[in-house]
Amino acid sequence: MDIHIFSINSAQNELLVSILKVLKKLEGQFDFKLNNVFKYEIDNKTNFKSSFDTLFDICDDFRIANKINITDVCILISPLTYSG
């Protein structure tokens, strides 16, 4: 199983690389992959903070754009928060 780590903006690239370095040291059946070029435009960050569905929309867009297998895991790293 592949685990895809991504962010919605390039400001998180350094964090993504650091996370990947730690995860790559783990032995097991998972293959960690980094995508630091995915772009997602957010017009209203206030709405984003209050919408859990938006987090899943971003992950769905990432899956479609990168043709991610349905059995793989996608992890969104973001400075934005979900208030619920």
N, C-alpha and C. Protein backbone atom coordinates (compact mmCIF):
# COMPACT_ATOMS: atom_id res chain seq x y z
N MET A 1 0.85 -1.17 0.00
CA MET A 1 0.00 0.00 0.00
C MET A 1 0.89 1.23 0.00
N ASP A 2 0.52 2.20 -0.84
CA ASP A 2 1.23 3.46 -0.88
C ASP A 2 0.52 4.48 0.00
N ILE A 3 1.30 5.30 0.67
CA ILE A 3 0.76 6.40 1.46
C ILE A 3 1.31 7.68 0.86
N HIS A 4 0.41 8.50 0.33
CA HIS A 4 0.76 9.73 -0.37
C HIS A 4 0.61 10.91 0.59
N ILE A 5 1.68 11.65 0.76
CA ILE A 5 1.67 12.82 1.64
C ILE A 5 1.73 14.05 0.75
N PHE A 6 0.81 14.99 1.01
CA PHE A 6 0.78 16.19 0.19
C PHE A 6 0.27 17.38 0.99
N SER A 7 0.43 18.56 0.40
CA SER A 7 -0.03 19.79 1.03
C SER A 7 -0.76 20.62 -0.01
N ILE A 8 -1.49 21.63 0.46
CA ILE A 8 -2.22 22.49 -0.47
C ILE A 8 -1.40 23.68 -0.93
N ASN A 9 -0.22 23.87 -0.36
CA ASN A 9 0.62 24.98 -0.82
C ASN A 9 2.09 24.66 -0.64
N SER A 10 2.93 25.35 -1.37
CA SER A 10 4.36 25.05 -1.36
C SER A 10 5.04 25.51 -0.08
N ALA A 11 4.38 26.32 0.75
CA ALA A 11 4.98 26.76 2.00
C ALA A 11 5.22 25.59 2.95
N GLN A 12 4.54 24.49 2.72
CA GLN A 12 4.68 23.30 3.57
C GLN A 12 5.74 22.33 3.06
N ASN A 13 6.42 22.65 1.97
CA ASN A 13 7.37 21.71 1.35
C ASN A 13 8.45 21.24 2.31
N GLU A 14 9.02 22.14 3.09
CA GLU A 14 10.08 21.77 4.02
C GLU A 14 9.56 20.78 5.07
N LEU A 15 8.36 21.03 5.57
CA LEU A 15 7.74 20.12 6.53
C LEU A 15 7.48 18.76 5.89
N LEU A 16 7.00 18.75 4.66
CA LEU A 16 6.73 17.49 3.96
C LEU A 16 8.00 16.66 3.80
N VAL A 17 9.07 17.31 3.42
CA VAL A 17 10.35 16.61 3.23
C VAL A 17 10.83 16.03 4.56
N SER A 18 10.69 16.80 5.64
CA SER A 18 11.10 16.32 6.97
C SER A 18 10.27 15.12 7.40
N ILE A 19 8.97 15.19 7.17
CA ILE A 19 8.08 14.08 7.51
C ILE A 19 8.47 12.83 6.73
N LEU A 20 8.71 13.00 5.44
CA LEU A 20 9.05 11.86 4.59
C LEU A 20 10.34 11.19 5.05
N LYS A 21 11.34 11.99 5.43
CA LYS A 21 12.61 11.42 5.89
C LYS A 21 12.40 10.52 7.11
N VAL A 22 11.57 10.95 8.03
CA VAL A 22 11.29 10.15 9.22
C VAL A 22 10.52 8.88 8.84
N LEU A 23 9.50 9.02 8.02
CA LEU A 23 8.67 7.88 7.65
C LEU A 23 9.43 6.84 6.83
N LYS A 24 10.36 7.28 5.98
CA LYS A 24 11.14 6.35 5.15
C LYS A 24 12.01 5.42 6.00
N LYS A 25 12.30 5.84 7.24
CA LYS A 25 13.11 5.00 8.13
C LYS A 25 12.32 3.83 8.69
N LEU A 26 11.01 3.91 8.63
CA LEU A 26 10.16 2.84 9.16
C LEU A 26 10.19 1.65 8.20
N GLU A 27 10.33 0.47 8.77
CA GLU A 27 10.30 -0.73 7.95
C GLU A 27 8.91 -1.31 7.98
N GLY A 28 8.47 -1.82 6.86
CA GLY A 28 7.15 -2.42 6.82
C GLY A 28 6.61 -2.50 5.41
N GLN A 29 5.32 -2.66 5.33
CA GLN A 29 4.67 -2.89 4.04
C GLN A 29 4.22 -1.62 3.35
N PHE A 30 4.50 -0.47 3.94
CA PHE A 30 4.04 0.78 3.36
C PHE A 30 5.14 1.45 2.55
N ASP A 31 4.73 2.09 1.47
CA ASP A 31 5.64 2.87 0.65
C ASP A 31 5.16 4.31 0.70
N PHE A 32 5.95 5.17 1.33
CA PHE A 32 5.57 6.57 1.49
C PHE A 32 6.02 7.37 0.28
N LYS A 33 5.10 8.17 -0.25
CA LYS A 33 5.38 8.99 -1.43
C LYS A 33 5.05 10.44 -1.12
N LEU A 34 5.87 11.32 -1.64
CA LEU A 34 5.70 12.75 -1.40
C LEU A 34 5.27 13.44 -2.69
N ASN A 35 4.27 14.29 -2.58
CA ASN A 35 3.86 15.12 -3.70
C ASN A 35 3.87 16.55 -3.19
N ASN A 36 4.82 17.34 -3.65
CA ASN A 36 4.90 18.73 -3.20
C ASN A 36 4.62 19.73 -4.30
N VAL A 37 3.89 19.29 -5.32
CA VAL A 37 3.53 20.21 -6.41
C VAL A 37 2.03 20.38 -6.57
N PHE A 38 1.24 19.70 -5.73
CA PHE A 38 -0.22 19.80 -5.82
C PHE A 38 -0.67 21.20 -5.44
N LYS A 39 -1.56 21.78 -6.23
CA LYS A 39 -2.08 23.12 -5.97
C LYS A 39 -3.59 23.04 -5.77
N TYR A 40 -4.07 23.74 -4.76
CA TYR A 40 -5.50 23.83 -4.51
C TYR A 40 -5.81 25.25 -4.09
N GLU A 41 -6.67 25.91 -4.83
CA GLU A 41 -7.02 27.29 -4.55
C GLU A 41 -8.14 27.38 -3.52
N ILE A 42 -7.93 28.18 -2.50
CA ILE A 42 -8.96 28.42 -1.49
C ILE A 42 -9.30 29.90 -1.51
N ASP A 43 -10.55 30.19 -1.90
CA ASP A 43 -10.97 31.58 -1.98
C ASP A 43 -11.25 32.19 -0.62
N ASN A 44 -11.83 31.40 0.27
CA ASN A 44 -12.25 31.93 1.55
C ASN A 44 -11.79 31.00 2.66
N LYS A 45 -10.69 31.34 3.32
CA LYS A 45 -10.13 30.46 4.35
C LYS A 45 -11.05 30.33 5.55
N THR A 46 -11.90 31.31 5.79
CA THR A 46 -12.85 31.21 6.91
C THR A 46 -13.83 30.09 6.65
N ASN A 47 -14.35 29.99 5.44
CA ASN A 47 -15.24 28.89 5.09
C ASN A 47 -14.52 27.56 5.20
N PHE A 48 -13.26 27.55 4.77
CA PHE A 48 -12.49 26.31 4.82
C PHE A 48 -12.38 25.80 6.25
N LYS A 49 -12.15 26.71 7.18
CA LYS A 49 -11.99 26.30 8.57
C LYS A 49 -13.25 25.65 9.12
N SER A 50 -14.39 25.98 8.57
CA SER A 50 -15.62 25.46 9.13
C SER A 50 -16.20 24.29 8.34
N SER A 51 -15.50 23.85 7.30
CA SER A 51 -16.06 22.82 6.43
C SER A 51 -15.19 21.56 6.41
N PHE A 52 -15.65 20.54 7.10
CA PHE A 52 -14.96 19.26 7.10
C PHE A 52 -15.00 18.64 5.71
N ASP A 53 -16.11 18.83 5.00
CA ASP A 53 -16.26 18.28 3.65
C ASP A 53 -15.18 18.82 2.71
N THR A 54 -14.76 20.05 2.92
CA THR A 54 -13.73 20.64 2.06
C THR A 54 -12.43 19.87 2.16
N LEU A 55 -12.09 19.39 3.33
CA LEU A 55 -10.87 18.58 3.48
C LEU A 55 -10.93 17.34 2.60
N PHE A 56 -12.09 16.69 2.59
CA PHE A 56 -12.25 15.50 1.76
C PHE A 56 -12.30 15.86 0.28
N ASP A 57 -12.86 17.02 -0.06
CA ASP A 57 -12.85 17.48 -1.45
C ASP A 57 -11.42 17.67 -1.94
N ILE A 58 -10.57 18.24 -1.11
CA ILE A 58 -9.16 18.43 -1.47
C ILE A 58 -8.50 17.07 -1.71
N CYS A 59 -8.74 16.13 -0.81
CA CYS A 59 -8.15 14.80 -0.97
C CYS A 59 -8.67 14.10 -2.22
N ASP A 60 -9.97 14.26 -2.49
CA ASP A 60 -10.54 13.68 -3.71
C ASP A 60 -9.92 14.28 -4.95
N ASP A 61 -9.74 15.61 -4.96
CA ASP A 61 -9.11 16.28 -6.10
C ASP A 61 -7.68 15.77 -6.29
N PHE A 62 -6.97 15.61 -5.19
CA PHE A 62 -5.59 15.10 -5.24
C PHE A 62 -5.57 13.70 -5.85
N ARG A 63 -6.49 12.84 -5.39
CA ARG A 63 -6.57 11.46 -5.91
C ARG A 63 -6.82 11.45 -7.42
N ILE A 64 -7.77 12.26 -7.85
CA ILE A 64 -8.13 12.31 -9.27
C ILE A 64 -6.97 12.86 -10.10
N ALA A 65 -6.39 13.98 -9.65
CA ALA A 65 -5.31 14.62 -10.41
C ALA A 65 -4.09 13.72 -10.55
N ASN A 66 -3.86 12.88 -9.56
CA ASN A 66 -2.66 12.03 -9.56
C ASN A 66 -2.94 10.56 -9.80
N LYS A 67 -4.20 10.24 -10.13
CA LYS A 67 -4.60 8.87 -10.43
C LYS A 67 -4.17 7.90 -9.32
N ILE A 68 -4.53 8.27 -8.08
CA ILE A 68 -4.17 7.49 -6.91
C ILE A 68 -5.13 6.30 -6.79
N ASN A 69 -4.58 5.14 -6.55
CA ASN A 69 -5.37 3.92 -6.37
C ASN A 69 -6.29 4.07 -5.17
N ILE A 70 -7.50 3.55 -5.26
CA ILE A 70 -8.50 3.67 -4.20
C ILE A 70 -8.03 3.00 -2.91
N THR A 71 -7.14 2.02 -2.99
CA THR A 71 -6.66 1.34 -1.79
C THR A 71 -5.49 2.06 -1.12
N ASP A 72 -4.97 3.09 -1.76
CA ASP A 72 -3.88 3.87 -1.19
C ASP A 72 -4.43 4.94 -0.24
N VAL A 73 -3.58 5.42 0.63
CA VAL A 73 -3.96 6.43 1.62
C VAL A 73 -3.36 7.77 1.21
N CYS A 74 -4.15 8.84 1.36
CA CYS A 74 -3.68 10.19 1.09
C CYS A 74 -3.73 10.98 2.40
N ILE A 75 -2.63 11.65 2.72
CA ILE A 75 -2.57 12.44 3.95
C ILE A 75 -2.30 13.89 3.57
N LEU A 76 -3.22 14.76 3.95
CA LEU A 76 -3.11 16.18 3.70
C LEU A 76 -2.44 16.86 4.89
N ILE A 77 -1.33 17.55 4.64
CA ILE A 77 -0.66 18.36 5.65
C ILE A 77 -1.00 19.81 5.34
N SER A 78 -1.61 20.49 6.30
CA SER A 78 -2.08 21.85 6.04
C SER A 78 -1.96 22.73 7.28
N PRO A 79 -1.64 24.00 7.08
CA PRO A 79 -1.62 24.94 8.21
C PRO A 79 -3.02 25.39 8.60
N LEU A 80 -4.00 25.10 7.76
CA LEU A 80 -5.37 25.48 8.05
C LEU A 80 -5.99 24.46 9.01
N THR A 81 -6.95 24.90 9.79
CA THR A 81 -7.52 24.02 10.80
C THR A 81 -8.99 23.77 10.55
N TYR A 82 -9.43 22.65 11.08
CA TYR A 82 -10.85 22.32 11.07
C TYR A 82 -11.37 22.59 12.48
N SER A 83 -12.39 23.41 12.59
CA SER A 83 -12.84 23.86 13.90
C SER A 83 -13.80 22.90 14.57
N GLY A 84 -14.23 21.83 13.91
CA GLY A 84 -15.18 20.89 14.49
C GLY A 84 -14.51 19.85 15.21
